[in-house]
């Protein structure tokens, strides 16, 4: 859910959501590093939990993205 008021954070959330929306079932996805990647991982997890996606393999590129991937079920 996009709720931030800070324009930079809002933009990063929107970009993260747009990236997550481009992912299709069965893909292998590099999860990236940083705040925008963190939003993408969150939105990707939401899509997986809702059943919109399945069989996604996430490849984390940092400790942070690995922790987030586990948290959001990627």
C-alpha atoms as a PDB file:
ATOM      1  CA  UNK A   1       0.000   0.000   0.000  1.00  0.00           C
ATOM      2  CA  UNK A   2       1.385   3.402  -0.940  1.00  0.00           C
ATOM      3  CA  UNK A   3       0.922   5.837   1.949  1.00  0.00           C
ATOM      4  CA  UNK A   4       4.096   7.930   2.213  1.00  0.00           C
ATOM      5  CA  UNK A   5       3.787  11.716   2.008  1.00  0.00           C
ATOM      6  CA  UNK A   6       7.447  12.484   1.239  1.00  0.00           C
ATOM      7  CA  UNK A   7       7.675  12.911  -2.574  1.00  0.00           C
ATOM      8  CA  UNK A   8      10.922  10.947  -2.862  1.00  0.00           C
ATOM      9  CA  UNK A   9       9.599   8.025  -0.821  1.00  0.00           C
ATOM     10  CA  UNK A  10       6.331   8.108  -2.748  1.00  0.00           C
ATOM     11  CA  UNK A  11       8.222   7.959  -6.042  1.00  0.00           C
ATOM     12  CA  UNK A  12      10.319   5.027  -4.809  1.00  0.00           C
ATOM     13  CA  UNK A  13       7.173   3.179  -3.716  1.00  0.00           C
ATOM     14  CA  UNK A  14       5.548   3.773  -7.091  1.00  0.00           C
ATOM     15  CA  UNK A  15       8.638   2.548  -8.952  1.00  0.00           C
ATOM     16  CA  UNK A  16       8.856  -0.510  -6.687  1.00  0.00           C
ATOM     17  CA  UNK A  17       5.201  -1.315  -7.341  1.00  0.00           C
ATOM     18  CA  UNK A  18       5.635  -0.826 -11.095  1.00  0.00           C
ATOM     19  CA  UNK A  19       8.595  -3.211 -11.065  1.00  0.00           C
ATOM     20  CA  UNK A  20       6.655  -5.817  -9.069  1.00  0.00           C
ATOM     21  CA  UNK A  21       3.720  -5.484 -11.483  1.00  0.00           C
ATOM     22  CA  UNK A  22       5.974  -6.474 -14.415  1.00  0.00           C
ATOM     23  CA  UNK A  23       6.870  -9.829 -12.872  1.00  0.00           C
ATOM     24  CA  UNK A  24       5.069 -12.894 -14.196  1.00  0.00           C
ATOM     25  CA  UNK A  25       4.566 -16.340 -12.663  1.00  0.00           C
ATOM     26  CA  UNK A  26       7.499 -18.687 -13.109  1.00  0.00           C
ATOM     27  CA  UNK A  27      10.141 -15.958 -13.352  1.00  0.00           C
ATOM     28  CA  UNK A  28      13.513 -15.889 -11.626  1.00  0.00           C
ATOM     29  CA  UNK A  29      13.873 -12.379 -10.203  1.00  0.00           C
ATOM     30  CA  UNK A  30      16.961 -10.503  -9.035  1.00  0.00           C
ATOM     31  CA  UNK A  31      15.770  -8.681  -5.934  1.00  0.00           C
ATOM     32  CA  UNK A  32      18.266  -5.836  -5.901  1.00  0.00           C
ATOM     33  CA  UNK A  33      19.430  -3.662  -3.040  1.00  0.00           C
ATOM     34  CA  UNK A  34      18.231  -0.395  -1.555  1.00  0.00           C
ATOM     35  CA  UNK A  35      15.001   1.327  -0.628  1.00  0.00           C
ATOM     36  CA  UNK A  36      13.317   1.053  -4.031  1.00  0.00           C
ATOM     37  CA  UNK A  37      14.159  -2.654  -4.209  1.00  0.00           C
ATOM     38  CA  UNK A  38      12.741  -3.046  -0.701  1.00  0.00           C
ATOM     39  CA  UNK A  39       9.403  -1.644  -1.865  1.00  0.00           C
ATOM     40  CA  UNK A  40       9.474  -3.958  -4.892  1.00  0.00           C
ATOM     41  CA  UNK A  41      10.064  -6.973  -2.641  1.00  0.00           C
ATOM     42  CA  UNK A  42       7.151  -5.920  -0.429  1.00  0.00           C
ATOM     43  CA  UNK A  43       4.765  -5.516  -3.384  1.00  0.00           C
ATOM     44  CA  UNK A  44       6.015  -8.771  -4.928  1.00  0.00           C
ATOM     45  CA  UNK A  45       5.267 -10.540  -1.652  1.00  0.00           C
ATOM     46  CA  UNK A  46       1.757  -9.072  -1.628  1.00  0.00           C
ATOM     47  CA  UNK A  47       1.153 -10.372  -5.159  1.00  0.00           C
ATOM     48  CA  UNK A  48       2.382 -13.829  -4.160  1.00  0.00           C
ATOM     49  CA  UNK A  49       0.226 -13.895  -1.021  1.00  0.00           C
ATOM     50  CA  UNK A  50      -2.862 -12.815  -2.958  1.00  0.00           C
ATOM     51  CA  UNK A  51      -2.356 -15.610  -5.492  1.00  0.00           C
ATOM     52  CA  UNK A  52      -1.745 -13.260  -8.446  1.00  0.00           C
ATOM     53  CA  UNK A  53       1.687 -14.885  -8.866  1.00  0.00           C
ATOM     54  CA  UNK A  54       3.164 -18.309  -8.227  1.00  0.00           C
ATOM     55  CA  UNK A  55       6.454 -20.131  -8.703  1.00  0.00           C
ATOM     56  CA  UNK A  56       8.663 -17.059  -8.308  1.00  0.00           C
ATOM     57  CA  UNK A  57      12.308 -17.567  -7.414  1.00  0.00           C
ATOM     58  CA  UNK A  58      13.879 -14.481  -5.870  1.00  0.00           C
ATOM     59  CA  UNK A  59      17.656 -14.033  -5.905  1.00  0.00           C
ATOM     60  CA  UNK A  60      18.651 -11.528  -3.199  1.00  0.00           C
ATOM     61  CA  UNK A  61      21.702  -9.358  -3.818  1.00  0.00           C
ATOM     62  CA  UNK A  62      22.230  -8.278  -0.219  1.00  0.00           C
ATOM     63  CA  UNK A  63      21.575  -9.311   3.350  1.00  0.00           C
ATOM     64  CA  UNK A  64      18.765  -6.736   3.528  1.00  0.00           C
ATOM     65  CA  UNK A  65      16.987  -8.034   0.431  1.00  0.00           C
ATOM     66  CA  UNK A  66      17.363 -11.605   1.726  1.00  0.00           C
ATOM     67  CA  UNK A  67      15.727 -10.660   5.047  1.00  0.00           C
ATOM     68  CA  UNK A  68      12.899  -8.833   3.267  1.00  0.00           C
ATOM     69  CA  UNK A  69      12.366 -11.699   0.820  1.00  0.00           C
ATOM     70  CA  UNK A  70      11.913 -14.103   3.719  1.00  0.00           C
ATOM     71  CA  UNK A  71       9.635 -11.647   5.533  1.00  0.00           C
ATOM     72  CA  UNK A  72       7.348 -11.223   2.510  1.00  0.00           C
ATOM     73  CA  UNK A  73       7.487 -14.833   1.302  1.00  0.00           C
ATOM     74  CA  UNK A  74       9.448 -14.263  -1.893  1.00  0.00           C
END
